[in-house]
Amino acid sequence: MKKKQRRSQRRSNDYQGICRLDKLKPGCRGRIRRHRGKGAIRRRLLDLGLVPETTVAVICVAPLNDPILLKLETDQIALRKQEAALIEIEMLPKDSI
């Protein structure tokens, strides 16, 4: 019985639209919630403009799924999947920015 409750809780979390940046498909948008990176990697992501509350959109993914091209509010950057996995985002409807 507890397993079913846990599964339903996981589904409800997915429904809220919280995921990692590396899981977004091309054309999807999201708002950065937080970073899980440490040290130099965190500093690099912040320097690139990937700060909390910034809206990002995935433009395209390279043929081997690494790197991904992101559109920030003012810039476009390419980011490795392993670095994108460190960024937690809140998914937004496709028509909002």
Protein backbone atom coordinates (compact mmCIF):
# COMPACT_ATOMS: atom_id res chain seq x y z
CA MET A 1 0.00 0.00 0.00
CA LYS A 2 2.83 2.41 0.83
CA LYS A 3 4.47 1.83 -2.57
CA LYS A 4 1.32 2.99 -4.35
CA GLN A 5 1.21 6.13 -2.23
CA ARG A 6 4.86 6.91 -3.02
CA ARG A 7 4.25 6.43 -6.74
CA SER A 8 1.30 8.80 -6.66
CA GLN A 9 3.41 11.37 -4.79
CA ARG A 10 6.12 11.13 -7.47
CA ARG A 11 3.53 11.61 -10.18
CA SER A 12 2.13 14.67 -8.44
CA ASN A 13 5.66 16.17 -8.27
CA ASP A 14 6.08 15.56 -12.00
CA TYR A 15 2.72 17.19 -12.62
CA GLN A 16 3.93 20.38 -10.92
CA GLY A 17 6.49 20.78 -13.71
CA ILE A 18 9.74 20.53 -11.76
CA CYS A 19 12.60 18.83 -13.59
CA ARG A 20 16.25 19.14 -14.58
CA LEU A 21 17.30 21.27 -17.52
CA ASP A 22 18.85 18.31 -19.37
CA LYS A 23 15.40 16.64 -19.57
CA LEU A 24 13.74 19.43 -21.58
CA LYS A 25 12.98 18.74 -25.23
CA PRO A 26 13.56 21.27 -28.03
CA GLY A 27 10.86 23.95 -28.01
CA CYS A 28 10.18 23.63 -24.26
CA ARG A 29 10.68 26.47 -21.80
CA GLY A 30 11.38 26.72 -18.11
CA ARG A 31 12.37 29.04 -15.30
CA ILE A 32 15.51 28.26 -13.30
CA ARG A 33 14.74 27.46 -9.67
CA ARG A 34 18.15 26.47 -8.28
CA HIS A 35 21.63 25.06 -8.96
CA ARG A 36 23.02 21.85 -7.59
CA GLY A 37 26.56 22.59 -8.81
CA LYS A 38 29.47 23.36 -6.51
CA GLY A 39 32.58 25.48 -6.78
CA ALA A 40 33.93 26.40 -10.21
CA ILE A 41 31.06 24.79 -12.14
CA ARG A 42 28.49 26.79 -10.19
CA ARG A 43 30.46 30.00 -10.76
CA ARG A 44 30.67 29.28 -14.53
CA LEU A 45 26.93 28.68 -14.81
CA LEU A 46 26.17 31.89 -12.94
CA ASP A 47 28.65 33.83 -15.13
CA LEU A 48 26.89 32.51 -18.24
CA GLY A 49 23.65 34.04 -17.00
CA LEU A 50 21.99 30.90 -15.66
CA VAL A 51 20.77 32.53 -12.45
CA PRO A 52 17.59 31.69 -10.53
CA GLU A 53 14.35 33.14 -11.97
CA THR A 54 15.86 33.34 -15.49
CA THR A 55 13.67 31.94 -18.28
CA VAL A 56 15.37 29.47 -20.63
CA ALA A 57 14.23 27.68 -23.78
CA VAL A 58 15.82 24.68 -25.46
CA ILE A 59 16.40 25.54 -29.11
CA CYS A 60 18.00 22.31 -30.31
CA VAL A 61 20.01 19.30 -29.21
CA ALA A 62 23.14 18.09 -31.00
CA PRO A 63 22.87 14.78 -32.90
CA LEU A 64 24.50 12.76 -30.11
CA ASN A 65 22.38 14.57 -27.47
CA ASP A 66 25.32 16.63 -26.20
CA PRO A 67 25.54 19.68 -26.03
CA ILE A 68 22.20 21.47 -25.98
CA LEU A 69 21.57 24.98 -27.31
CA LEU A 70 19.71 27.24 -24.90
CA LYS A 71 18.08 30.62 -25.41
CA LEU A 72 18.19 32.83 -22.36
CA GLU A 73 16.31 36.09 -22.11
CA THR A 74 19.04 37.93 -24.02
CA ASP A 75 21.63 35.34 -25.15
CA GLN A 76 22.09 31.90 -26.64
CA ILE A 77 24.54 29.42 -25.13
CA ALA A 78 25.55 25.79 -25.62
CA LEU A 79 25.77 23.69 -22.48
CA ARG A 80 26.93 20.14 -21.81
CA LYS A 81 24.25 17.71 -20.64
CA GLN A 82 26.16 16.92 -17.44
CA GLU A 83 26.19 20.63 -16.54
CA ALA A 84 22.53 21.05 -17.52
CA ALA A 85 21.67 18.19 -15.16
CA LEU A 86 22.81 20.38 -12.25
CA ILE A 87 20.09 22.98 -12.91
CA GLU A 88 16.58 22.49 -11.53
CA ILE A 89 13.83 24.23 -13.47
CA GLU A 90 10.10 24.83 -13.33
CA MET A 91 8.50 24.04 -16.69
CA LEU A 92 6.47 26.79 -18.40
CA PRO A 93 3.88 26.63 -21.17
CA LYS A 94 5.44 26.82 -24.64
CA ASP A 95 3.85 30.16 -25.47
CA SER A 96 5.16 32.08 -22.43
CA ILE A 97 8.41 34.03 -21.99
